[in-house]
Amino acid sequence: MIKNIIIGLTILGFSLFATGCSTAHMGWTAVTQQHKLDDGAMPAYDNMFSNVAEYGDAARAMMKEFKVAEDVENEDVADSILALAEEYNMRITGDIKMYTKDDAAPAEVKHARIFSLCSLQIAKVFLNHSRYYGGFMPCRIMLIEYGNGDRFLITMDMTLAIHGGFPLPKEMLELGLSVKKAMEEIPARAANGDF
């Protein structure tokens, strides 16, 4: 009989604990208004936070990078970006060679070049929705080379810009996803010299 009472109290304790946790979660959700966010918001924030916790670098957590193949020259990467932009209906709005340092140490940046891309039609839709999207415009791809010869293409991870807040209207979501696709596939392909 004592054994049954202990088992009963244990089950009751777990039930109350589970109910308390569920209630606390619902309360937290109500306070933070998470239920209003896009379904992809929390996984995106969690992914960013995990990246920051692992590397301690907030900028890294907001970017995507693609290693440039050894047999692809910098000018080939540039030509590829320029050609692929058109394929993805993006317009090149800037091409700036930031600097070149021929005597760079192995871990030092030797060469940096920024390509700016934009779809003016899509930009107008997003700016009419929120002027703060202007901070993301134009989209950029940076070609960066180190003294040891390692080269990377860096671009912004647009996941939070699209999914990080309230759900976007259907048309905007489709347009945003098309830009996200372009800004991931262009550097991925250009890193291999694809045209």
N, C-alpha and C. Protein backbone atom coordinates (compact mmCIF):
# COMPACT_ATOMS: atom_id res chain seq x y z
N MET A 1 0.82 -1.19 0.00
CA MET A 1 0.00 0.00 0.00
C MET A 1 0.88 1.27 0.00
N ILE A 2 1.93 1.29 0.80
CA ILE A 2 2.83 2.46 0.83
C ILE A 2 3.48 2.64 -0.54
N LYS A 3 3.82 1.51 -1.17
CA LYS A 3 4.43 1.57 -2.51
C LYS A 3 3.47 2.23 -3.49
N ASN A 4 2.20 1.89 -3.45
CA ASN A 4 1.19 2.48 -4.34
C ASN A 4 1.02 3.97 -4.07
N ILE A 5 1.07 4.37 -2.82
CA ILE A 5 0.95 5.79 -2.47
C ILE A 5 2.13 6.57 -3.03
N ILE A 6 3.34 6.01 -2.90
CA ILE A 6 4.55 6.68 -3.42
C ILE A 6 4.47 6.80 -4.94
N ILE A 7 4.04 5.72 -5.60
CA ILE A 7 3.91 5.77 -7.06
C ILE A 7 2.87 6.81 -7.45
N GLY A 8 1.74 6.83 -6.73
CA GLY A 8 0.68 7.81 -7.02
C GLY A 8 1.17 9.24 -6.85
N LEU A 9 1.88 9.49 -5.76
CA LEU A 9 2.42 10.84 -5.52
C LEU A 9 3.46 11.23 -6.57
N THR A 10 4.26 10.26 -6.99
CA THR A 10 5.26 10.52 -8.03
C THR A 10 4.59 10.91 -9.33
N ILE A 11 3.56 10.16 -9.71
CA ILE A 11 2.83 10.47 -10.95
C ILE A 11 2.17 11.83 -10.84
N LEU A 12 1.55 12.11 -9.69
CA LEU A 12 0.92 13.42 -9.48
C LEU A 12 1.96 14.54 -9.56
N GLY A 13 3.13 14.31 -8.96
CA GLY A 13 4.20 15.32 -9.00
C GLY A 13 4.66 15.62 -10.42
N PHE A 14 4.85 14.54 -11.20
CA PHE A 14 5.26 14.74 -12.60
C PHE A 14 4.18 15.46 -13.40
N SER A 15 2.92 15.12 -13.13
CA SER A 15 1.81 15.76 -13.84
C SER A 15 1.76 17.25 -13.54
N LEU A 16 1.91 17.58 -12.25
CA LEU A 16 1.91 19.00 -11.86
C LEU A 16 3.10 19.74 -12.45
N PHE A 17 4.27 19.06 -12.46
CA PHE A 17 5.47 19.68 -13.05
C PHE A 17 5.26 19.94 -14.54
N ALA A 18 4.74 18.94 -15.26
CA ALA A 18 4.50 19.08 -16.70
C ALA A 18 3.49 20.19 -16.97
N THR A 19 2.43 20.25 -16.16
CA THR A 19 1.42 21.30 -16.32
C THR A 19 2.03 22.67 -16.06
N GLY A 20 2.85 22.74 -15.02
CA GLY A 20 3.52 24.01 -14.70
C GLY A 20 4.43 24.47 -15.82
N CYS A 21 5.20 23.52 -16.39
CA CYS A 21 6.09 23.87 -17.51
C CYS A 21 5.31 24.33 -18.71
N SER A 22 4.21 23.64 -19.01
CA SER A 22 3.37 24.00 -20.15
C SER A 22 2.77 25.38 -19.95
N THR A 23 2.28 25.65 -18.74
CA THR A 23 1.70 26.95 -18.43
C THR A 23 2.76 28.05 -18.51
N ALA A 24 3.92 27.76 -17.97
CA ALA A 24 5.02 28.75 -18.02
C ALA A 24 5.39 29.05 -19.46
N HIS A 25 5.44 28.00 -20.31
CA HIS A 25 5.78 28.21 -21.73
C HIS A 25 4.73 29.07 -22.41
N MET A 26 3.43 28.77 -22.13
CA MET A 26 2.36 29.57 -22.74
C MET A 26 2.45 31.01 -22.26
N GLY A 27 2.78 31.19 -20.97
CA GLY A 27 2.92 32.55 -20.45
C GLY A 27 4.08 33.28 -21.10
N TRP A 28 5.21 32.59 -21.26
CA TRP A 28 6.38 33.19 -21.90
C TRP A 28 6.07 33.56 -23.34
N THR A 29 5.37 32.65 -24.05
CA THR A 29 5.00 32.89 -25.44
C THR A 29 4.09 34.12 -25.55
N ALA A 30 3.14 34.24 -24.61
CA ALA A 30 2.23 35.39 -24.62
C ALA A 30 2.99 36.69 -24.36
N VAL A 31 3.93 36.66 -23.41
CA VAL A 31 4.70 37.85 -23.09
C VAL A 31 5.58 38.27 -24.25
N THR A 32 6.25 37.29 -24.89
CA THR A 32 7.18 37.61 -25.97
C THR A 32 6.51 37.75 -27.32
N GLN A 33 5.24 37.40 -27.40
CA GLN A 33 4.48 37.50 -28.66
C GLN A 33 5.03 36.58 -29.76
N GLN A 34 5.69 35.49 -29.37
CA GLN A 34 6.27 34.57 -30.35
C GLN A 34 5.23 34.00 -31.30
N HIS A 35 4.00 33.84 -30.82
CA HIS A 35 2.95 33.24 -31.65
C HIS A 35 2.63 34.08 -32.88
N LYS A 36 3.02 35.34 -32.87
CA LYS A 36 2.76 36.21 -34.02
C LYS A 36 3.85 36.11 -35.09
N LEU A 37 4.98 35.50 -34.73
CA LEU A 37 6.12 35.46 -35.64
C LEU A 37 5.97 34.40 -36.73
N ASP A 38 6.71 34.59 -37.80
CA ASP A 38 6.81 33.61 -38.87
C ASP A 38 7.25 32.27 -38.26
N ASP A 39 6.76 31.18 -38.83
CA ASP A 39 7.11 29.86 -38.31
C ASP A 39 8.62 29.59 -38.34
N GLY A 40 9.33 30.26 -39.23
CA GLY A 40 10.77 30.05 -39.33
C GLY A 40 11.60 30.94 -38.42
N ALA A 41 10.94 31.82 -37.66
CA ALA A 41 11.68 32.81 -36.86
C ALA A 41 12.51 32.16 -35.75
N MET A 42 11.88 31.36 -34.92
CA MET A 42 12.60 30.81 -33.77
C MET A 42 13.74 29.87 -34.19
N PRO A 43 13.53 28.98 -35.19
CA PRO A 43 14.67 28.17 -35.63
C PRO A 43 15.81 29.04 -36.19
N ALA A 44 15.46 30.14 -36.87
CA ALA A 44 16.50 31.02 -37.43
C ALA A 44 17.28 31.71 -36.32
N TYR A 45 16.56 32.22 -35.30
CA TYR A 45 17.24 32.87 -34.18
C TYR A 45 18.08 31.85 -33.39
N ASP A 46 17.54 30.66 -33.23
CA ASP A 46 18.27 29.61 -32.52
C ASP A 46 19.55 29.25 -33.26
N ASN A 47 19.47 29.15 -34.58
CA ASN A 47 20.64 28.82 -35.38
C ASN A 47 21.70 29.93 -35.26
N MET A 48 21.25 31.19 -35.31
CA MET A 48 22.18 32.31 -35.18
C MET A 48 22.84 32.30 -33.80
N PHE A 49 22.03 32.10 -32.76
CA PHE A 49 22.57 32.10 -31.40
C PHE A 49 23.57 30.96 -31.22
N SER A 50 23.26 29.77 -31.76
CA SER A 50 24.18 28.63 -31.65
C SER A 50 25.51 28.94 -32.31
N ASN A 51 25.45 29.63 -33.45
CA ASN A 51 26.66 30.02 -34.16
C ASN A 51 27.48 31.00 -33.33
N VAL A 52 26.81 31.99 -32.74
CA VAL A 52 27.50 32.97 -31.89
C VAL A 52 28.12 32.28 -30.68
N ALA A 53 27.36 31.35 -30.07
CA ALA A 53 27.87 30.64 -28.90
C ALA A 53 29.09 29.80 -29.25
N GLU A 54 29.12 29.25 -30.47
CA GLU A 54 30.25 28.41 -30.87
C GLU A 54 31.49 29.22 -31.23
N TYR A 55 31.29 30.30 -31.99
CA TYR A 55 32.45 31.05 -32.51
C TYR A 55 32.67 32.40 -31.82
N GLY A 56 31.66 32.92 -31.11
CA GLY A 56 31.80 34.21 -30.45
C GLY A 56 31.83 35.39 -31.40
N ASP A 57 31.39 35.19 -32.65
CA ASP A 57 31.49 36.21 -33.69
C ASP A 57 30.10 36.46 -34.27
N ALA A 58 29.46 37.56 -33.84
CA ALA A 58 28.09 37.86 -34.29
C ALA A 58 28.03 38.08 -35.80
N ALA A 59 29.06 38.71 -36.36
CA ALA A 59 29.07 38.96 -37.81
C ALA A 59 29.06 37.64 -38.58
N ARG A 60 29.87 36.70 -38.13
CA ARG A 60 29.92 35.38 -38.78
C ARG A 60 28.55 34.71 -38.76
N ALA A 61 27.82 34.87 -37.67
CA ALA A 61 26.52 34.22 -37.51
C ALA A 61 25.48 34.77 -38.49
N MET A 62 25.73 35.94 -39.05
CA MET A 62 24.77 36.55 -39.97
C MET A 62 25.17 36.42 -41.43
N MET A 63 26.23 35.67 -41.70
CA MET A 63 26.75 35.55 -43.05
C MET A 63 26.79 34.10 -43.54
N LYS A 64 26.91 33.96 -44.84
CA LYS A 64 27.19 32.67 -45.47
C LYS A 64 28.51 32.83 -46.20
N GLU A 65 29.32 31.78 -46.22
CA GLU A 65 30.60 31.87 -46.94
C GLU A 65 30.79 30.66 -47.83
N PHE A 66 31.50 30.90 -48.92
CA PHE A 66 31.78 29.87 -49.91
C PHE A 66 33.27 29.95 -50.25
N LYS A 67 33.98 28.84 -50.09
CA LYS A 67 35.41 28.82 -50.38
C LYS A 67 35.62 28.78 -51.88
N VAL A 68 36.48 29.65 -52.37
CA VAL A 68 36.77 29.71 -53.81
C VAL A 68 37.73 28.58 -54.16
N ALA A 69 37.41 27.87 -55.24
CA ALA A 69 38.25 26.76 -55.70
C ALA A 69 39.63 27.27 -56.08
N GLU A 70 40.65 26.46 -55.81
CA GLU A 70 42.04 26.87 -56.05
C GLU A 70 42.32 27.18 -57.51
N ASP A 71 41.64 26.49 -58.42
CA ASP A 71 41.92 26.67 -59.85
C ASP A 71 41.10 27.80 -60.49
N VAL A 72 40.36 28.56 -59.68
CA VAL A 72 39.55 29.67 -60.20
C VAL A 72 40.22 30.99 -59.82
N GLU A 73 40.58 31.77 -60.82
CA GLU A 73 41.25 33.06 -60.59
C GLU A 73 40.24 34.10 -60.10
N ASN A 74 40.73 35.14 -59.44
CA ASN A 74 39.86 36.19 -58.93
C ASN A 74 39.04 36.84 -60.03
N GLU A 75 39.64 37.08 -61.17
CA GLU A 75 38.90 37.71 -62.27
C GLU A 75 37.82 36.78 -62.82
N ASP A 76 38.08 35.47 -62.76
CA ASP A 76 37.05 34.51 -63.18
C ASP A 76 35.87 34.55 -62.22
N VAL A 77 36.16 34.70 -60.93
CA VAL A 77 35.10 34.82 -59.93
C VAL A 77 34.27 36.06 -60.23
N ALA A 78 34.94 37.17 -60.50
CA ALA A 78 34.25 38.42 -60.80
C ALA A 78 33.39 38.28 -62.05
N ASP A 79 33.95 37.72 -63.11
CA ASP A 79 33.20 37.53 -64.36
C ASP A 79 31.98 36.64 -64.11
N SER A 80 32.16 35.62 -63.29
CA SER A 80 31.07 34.71 -62.98
C SER A 80 29.94 35.43 -62.25
N ILE A 81 30.29 36.23 -61.25
CA ILE A 81 29.27 36.99 -60.50
C ILE A 81 28.50 37.91 -61.45
N LEU A 82 29.22 38.60 -62.31
CA LEU A 82 28.57 39.53 -63.24
C LEU A 82 27.62 38.80 -64.19
N ALA A 83 28.03 37.64 -64.67
CA ALA A 83 27.19 36.87 -65.60
C ALA A 83 25.98 36.26 -64.87
N LEU A 84 26.23 35.70 -63.69
CA LEU A 84 25.15 35.03 -62.96
C LEU A 84 24.10 36.01 -62.45
N ALA A 85 24.51 37.23 -62.14
CA ALA A 85 23.55 38.23 -61.67
C ALA A 85 22.42 38.39 -62.68
N GLU A 86 22.76 38.46 -63.92
CA GLU A 86 21.75 38.61 -64.98
C GLU A 86 20.84 37.39 -65.03
N GLU A 87 21.42 36.21 -64.88
CA GLU A 87 20.62 34.97 -64.91
C GLU A 87 19.57 34.96 -63.81
N TYR A 88 19.90 35.55 -62.66
CA TYR A 88 18.98 35.58 -61.53
C TYR A 88 18.17 36.88 -61.45
N ASN A 89 18.16 37.63 -62.52
CA ASN A 89 17.41 38.89 -62.60
C ASN A 89 17.84 39.90 -61.54
N MET A 90 19.14 39.91 -61.26
CA MET A 90 19.70 40.89 -60.34
C MET A 90 20.56 41.86 -61.17
N ARG A 91 20.64 43.08 -60.70
CA ARG A 91 21.41 44.11 -61.40
C ARG A 91 22.65 44.43 -60.58
N ILE A 92 23.80 44.51 -61.25
CA ILE A 92 25.03 44.92 -60.56
C ILE A 92 24.96 46.43 -60.35
N THR A 93 24.96 46.86 -59.10
CA THR A 93 24.88 48.28 -58.80
C THR A 93 26.21 48.83 -58.27
N GLY A 94 27.19 47.95 -58.15
CA GLY A 94 28.50 48.40 -57.69
C GLY A 94 29.53 47.29 -57.75
N ASP A 95 30.76 47.68 -58.01
CA ASP A 95 31.90 46.75 -58.02
C ASP A 95 33.10 47.55 -57.53
N ILE A 96 33.43 47.36 -56.26
CA ILE A 96 34.46 48.18 -55.63
C ILE A 96 35.63 47.31 -55.18
N LYS A 97 36.81 47.64 -55.68
CA LYS A 97 38.03 46.99 -55.18
C LYS A 97 38.45 47.78 -53.95
N MET A 98 38.25 47.18 -52.79
CA MET A 98 38.55 47.88 -51.54
C MET A 98 40.04 48.13 -51.40
N TYR A 99 40.84 47.06 -51.53
CA TYR A 99 42.28 47.24 -51.47
C TYR A 99 42.99 45.94 -51.82
N THR A 100 44.27 46.08 -52.13
CA THR A 100 45.15 44.94 -52.36
C THR A 100 46.44 45.21 -51.62
N LYS A 101 46.93 44.23 -50.89
CA LYS A 101 48.19 44.36 -50.14
C LYS A 101 49.06 43.17 -50.55
N ASP A 102 49.98 43.42 -51.46
CA ASP A 102 50.78 42.33 -52.03
C ASP A 102 51.65 41.60 -51.02
N ASP A 103 52.07 42.29 -49.97
CA ASP A 103 52.97 41.66 -48.99
C ASP A 103 52.23 41.23 -47.72
N ALA A 104 50.95 40.84 -47.87
CA ALA A 104 50.15 40.45 -46.71
C ALA A 104 50.70 39.19 -46.05
N ALA A 105 50.69 39.17 -44.72
CA ALA A 105 51.06 37.97 -43.96
C ALA A 105 50.02 36.88 -44.22
N PRO A 106 50.35 35.61 -43.96
CA PRO A 106 49.43 34.51 -44.27
C PRO A 106 48.01 34.68 -43.74
N ALA A 107 47.84 35.20 -42.50
CA ALA A 107 46.50 35.34 -41.91
C ALA A 107 45.91 36.72 -42.14
N GLU A 108 46.60 37.56 -42.92
CA GLU A 108 46.16 38.94 -43.16
C GLU A 108 45.42 39.01 -44.50
N VAL A 109 44.45 39.91 -44.57
CA VAL A 109 43.70 40.09 -45.82
C VAL A 109 44.62 40.72 -46.86
N LYS A 110 44.69 40.06 -47.99
CA LYS A 110 45.53 40.53 -49.09
C LYS A 110 44.71 41.31 -50.12
N HIS A 111 43.49 40.85 -50.35
CA HIS A 111 42.67 41.45 -51.41
C HIS A 111 41.21 41.42 -50.97
N ALA A 112 40.49 42.51 -51.18
CA ALA A 112 39.07 42.57 -50.84
C ALA A 112 38.33 43.35 -51.92
N ARG A 113 37.23 42.78 -52.38
CA ARG A 113 36.44 43.39 -53.45
C ARG A 113 34.97 43.13 -53.17
N ILE A 114 34.15 44.17 -53.31
CA ILE A 114 32.72 44.06 -53.01
C ILE A 114 31.90 44.25 -54.28
N PHE A 115 30.98 43.31 -54.50
CA PHE A 115 30.01 43.40 -55.59
C PHE A 115 28.65 43.69 -54.97
N SER A 116 27.97 44.70 -55.47
CA SER A 116 26.63 45.05 -54.99
C SER A 116 25.61 44.65 -56.05
N LEU A 117 24.56 43.96 -55.62
CA LEU A 117 23.53 43.48 -56.52
C LEU A 117 22.16 43.90 -55.99
N CYS A 118 21.22 44.11 -56.90
CA CYS A 118 19.89 44.52 -56.47
C CYS A 118 18.87 44.21 -57.57
N SER A 119 17.67 43.93 -57.16
CA SER A 119 16.52 43.92 -58.06
C SER A 119 15.72 45.15 -57.69
N LEU A 120 15.73 46.15 -58.55
CA LEU A 120 15.09 47.42 -58.21
C LEU A 120 13.59 47.26 -57.97
N GLN A 121 12.95 46.39 -58.75
CA GLN A 121 11.51 46.17 -58.59
C GLN A 121 11.21 45.55 -57.21
N ILE A 122 11.99 44.56 -56.82
CA ILE A 122 11.78 43.92 -55.52
C ILE A 122 12.15 44.88 -54.39
N ALA A 123 13.20 45.67 -54.59
CA ALA A 123 13.61 46.64 -53.57
C ALA A 123 12.47 47.61 -53.27
N LYS A 124 11.78 48.05 -54.30
CA LYS A 124 10.68 49.01 -54.13
C LYS A 124 9.56 48.40 -53.29
N VAL A 125 9.22 47.13 -53.55
CA VAL A 125 8.17 46.45 -52.79
C VAL A 125 8.54 46.39 -51.31
N PHE A 126 9.80 46.01 -51.02
CA PHE A 126 10.23 45.86 -49.63
C PHE A 126 10.35 47.22 -48.93
N LEU A 127 10.79 48.24 -49.64
CA LEU A 127 10.88 49.57 -49.03
C LEU A 127 9.50 50.13 -48.73
N ASN A 128 8.53 49.84 -49.59
CA ASN A 128 7.16 50.29 -49.32
C ASN A 128 6.58 49.58 -48.11
N HIS A 129 7.03 48.37 -47.85
CA HIS A 129 6.58 47.61 -46.68
C HIS A 129 7.26 48.14 -45.40
N SER A 130 8.56 48.37 -45.47
CA SER A 130 9.33 48.88 -44.32
C SER A 130 10.62 49.53 -44.82
N ARG A 131 10.78 50.80 -44.51
CA ARG A 131 11.99 51.50 -44.94
C ARG A 131 13.26 50.88 -44.37
N TYR A 132 13.14 50.11 -43.27
CA TYR A 132 14.30 49.52 -42.62
C TYR A 132 14.96 48.43 -43.46
N TYR A 133 14.24 47.90 -44.43
CA TYR A 133 14.87 46.96 -45.35
C TYR A 133 15.97 47.65 -46.15
N GLY A 134 15.92 48.99 -46.20
CA GLY A 134 16.96 49.73 -46.92
C GLY A 134 18.35 49.46 -46.37
N GLY A 135 18.44 49.08 -45.11
CA GLY A 135 19.73 48.76 -44.51
C GLY A 135 20.36 47.50 -45.08
N PHE A 136 19.54 46.67 -45.72
CA PHE A 136 20.05 45.45 -46.34
C PHE A 136 20.40 45.66 -47.81
N MET A 137 20.10 46.85 -48.34
CA MET A 137 20.25 47.09 -49.77
C MET A 137 21.47 47.94 -50.07
N PRO A 138 22.14 47.74 -51.18
CA PRO A 138 21.95 46.58 -52.06
C PRO A 138 22.57 45.34 -51.42
N CYS A 139 22.18 44.17 -51.94
CA CYS A 139 22.78 42.92 -51.48
C CYS A 139 24.25 42.93 -51.89
N ARG A 140 25.10 42.32 -51.06
CA ARG A 140 26.53 42.37 -51.34
C ARG A 140 27.16 40.98 -51.30
N ILE A 141 28.18 40.84 -52.13
CA ILE A 141 29.05 39.66 -52.10
C ILE A 141 30.47 40.19 -52.01
N MET A 142 31.22 39.74 -51.00
CA MET A 142 32.61 40.16 -50.89
C MET A 142 33.52 39.02 -51.26
N LEU A 143 34.48 39.33 -52.13
CA LEU A 143 35.57 38.40 -52.45
C LEU A 143 36.72 38.81 -51.55
N ILE A 144 37.18 37.86 -50.73
CA ILE A 144 38.26 38.17 -49.81
C ILE A 144 39.36 37.12 -49.96
N GLU A 145 40.59 37.59 -50.06
CA GLU A 145 41.75 36.69 -50.21
C GLU A 145 42.75 36.98 -49.11
N TYR A 146 43.31 35.92 -48.54
CA TYR A 146 44.31 36.06 -47.48
C TYR A 146 45.71 35.85 -48.04
N GLY A 147 46.69 36.25 -47.26
CA GLY A 147 48.07 36.12 -47.68
C GLY A 147 48.50 34.70 -47.97
N ASN A 148 47.82 33.73 -47.36
CA ASN A 148 48.16 32.32 -47.61
C ASN A 148 47.49 31.76 -48.86
N GLY A 149 46.69 32.61 -49.55
CA GLY A 149 46.04 32.19 -50.79
C GLY A 149 44.61 31.73 -50.62
N ASP A 150 44.15 31.53 -49.38
CA ASP A 150 42.75 31.15 -49.17
C ASP A 150 41.83 32.28 -49.61
N ARG A 151 40.76 31.91 -50.32
CA ARG A 151 39.81 32.92 -50.80
C ARG A 151 38.39 32.47 -50.50
N PHE A 152 37.55 33.45 -50.19
CA PHE A 152 36.16 33.17 -49.83
C PHE A 152 35.25 34.22 -50.46
N LEU A 153 34.02 33.80 -50.71
CA LEU A 153 32.95 34.73 -51.05
C LEU A 153 32.02 34.77 -49.85
N ILE A 154 31.75 35.98 -49.36
CA ILE A 154 30.92 36.18 -48.17
C ILE A 154 29.68 36.97 -48.58
N THR A 155 28.52 36.52 -48.12
CA THR A 155 27.28 37.24 -48.37
C THR A 155 26.37 37.11 -47.16
N MET A 156 25.43 38.02 -47.02
CA MET A 156 24.54 38.00 -45.86
C MET A 156 23.57 36.82 -45.93
N ASP A 157 23.35 36.17 -44.79
CA ASP A 157 22.32 35.15 -44.68
C ASP A 157 20.99 35.90 -44.52
N MET A 158 20.13 35.77 -45.50
CA MET A 158 18.89 36.55 -45.51
C MET A 158 17.74 35.90 -44.75
N THR A 159 18.00 34.79 -44.08
CA THR A 159 16.94 34.06 -43.40
C THR A 159 16.17 34.94 -42.41
N LEU A 160 16.89 35.67 -41.56
CA LEU A 160 16.20 36.51 -40.57
C LEU A 160 15.50 37.70 -41.21
N ALA A 161 16.05 38.24 -42.28
CA ALA A 161 15.40 39.36 -42.96
C ALA A 161 14.05 38.95 -43.52
N ILE A 162 13.91 37.66 -43.86
CA ILE A 162 12.67 37.17 -44.45
C ILE A 162 11.76 36.53 -43.39
N HIS A 163 12.33 35.73 -42.50
CA HIS A 163 11.52 34.96 -41.56
C HIS A 163 11.60 35.44 -40.11
N GLY A 164 12.37 36.47 -39.83
CA GLY A 164 12.64 36.85 -38.45
C GLY A 164 11.56 37.63 -37.75
N GLY A 165 10.54 38.10 -38.47
CA GLY A 165 9.48 38.89 -37.84
C GLY A 165 8.12 38.29 -38.08
N PHE A 166 7.10 39.15 -38.19
CA PHE A 166 5.77 38.67 -38.52
C PHE A 166 5.81 38.09 -39.94
N PRO A 167 4.94 37.14 -40.26
CA PRO A 167 4.95 36.57 -41.61
C PRO A 167 4.76 37.67 -42.66
N LEU A 168 5.56 37.60 -43.71
CA LEU A 168 5.42 38.54 -44.82
C LEU A 168 4.20 38.19 -45.66
N PRO A 169 3.60 39.19 -46.31
CA PRO A 169 2.53 38.87 -47.26
C PRO A 169 3.06 37.91 -48.32
N LYS A 170 2.18 37.08 -48.87
CA LYS A 170 2.58 36.01 -49.78
C LYS A 170 3.47 36.50 -50.93
N GLU A 171 3.08 37.61 -51.58
CA GLU A 171 3.86 38.12 -52.72
C GLU A 171 5.26 38.52 -52.27
N MET A 172 5.33 39.20 -51.13
CA MET A 172 6.64 39.63 -50.62
C MET A 172 7.50 38.44 -50.25
N LEU A 173 6.90 37.43 -49.65
CA LEU A 173 7.64 36.24 -49.27
C LEU A 173 8.26 35.59 -50.51
N GLU A 174 7.48 35.46 -51.56
CA GLU A 174 7.99 34.85 -52.80
C GLU A 174 9.13 35.68 -53.39
N LEU A 175 8.98 37.00 -53.37
CA LEU A 175 10.04 37.88 -53.90
C LEU A 175 11.29 37.79 -53.03
N GLY A 176 11.10 37.81 -51.71
CA GLY A 176 12.23 37.72 -50.80
C GLY A 176 12.98 36.40 -50.96
N LEU A 177 12.23 35.32 -51.12
CA LEU A 177 12.87 34.01 -51.30
C LEU A 177 13.63 33.93 -52.62
N SER A 178 13.14 34.64 -53.64
CA SER A 178 13.86 34.64 -54.92
C SER A 178 15.19 35.37 -54.80
N VAL A 179 15.23 36.45 -54.01
CA VAL A 179 16.49 37.18 -53.79
C VAL A 179 17.43 36.33 -52.93
N LYS A 180 16.88 35.69 -51.89
CA LYS A 180 17.68 34.82 -51.04
C LYS A 180 18.33 33.71 -51.86
N LYS A 181 17.54 33.12 -52.75
CA LYS A 181 18.07 32.06 -53.63
C LYS A 181 19.22 32.60 -54.48
N ALA A 182 19.01 33.76 -55.06
CA ALA A 182 20.05 34.37 -55.90
C ALA A 182 21.32 34.63 -55.10
N MET A 183 21.16 35.17 -53.89
CA MET A 183 22.32 35.56 -53.10
C MET A 183 23.02 34.39 -52.43
N GLU A 184 22.44 33.22 -52.51
CA GLU A 184 23.13 32.01 -52.06
C GLU A 184 23.72 31.25 -53.24
N GLU A 185 22.98 31.19 -54.34
CA GLU A 185 23.44 30.41 -55.49
C GLU A 185 24.51 31.13 -56.31
N ILE A 186 24.42 32.45 -56.42
CA ILE A 186 25.43 33.18 -57.20
C ILE A 186 26.83 32.97 -56.61
N PRO A 187 27.05 33.24 -55.31
CA PRO A 187 28.40 33.02 -54.78
C PRO A 187 28.80 31.53 -54.76
N ALA A 188 27.83 30.66 -54.51
CA ALA A 188 28.15 29.22 -54.49
C ALA A 188 28.67 28.79 -55.86
N ARG A 189 28.05 29.28 -56.91
CA ARG A 189 28.46 28.92 -58.27
C ARG A 189 29.72 29.67 -58.68
N ALA A 190 29.79 30.95 -58.33
CA ALA A 190 30.96 31.76 -58.72
C ALA A 190 32.22 31.25 -58.06
N ALA A 191 32.10 30.67 -56.86
CA ALA A 191 33.26 30.12 -56.15
C ALA A 191 33.91 28.98 -56.94
N ASN A 192 33.14 28.39 -57.84
CA ASN A 192 33.67 27.32 -58.70
C ASN A 192 33.85 27.77 -60.14
N GLY A 193 33.72 29.09 -60.37
CA GLY A 193 33.92 29.63 -61.71
C GLY A 193 32.81 29.31 -62.68
N ASP A 194 31.62 29.03 -62.15
CA ASP A 194 30.47 28.67 -63.00
C ASP A 194 29.92 29.89 -63.71
N PHE A 195 29.46 29.69 -64.91
CA PHE A 195 28.81 30.78 -65.69
C PHE A 195 27.42 30.35 -66.08
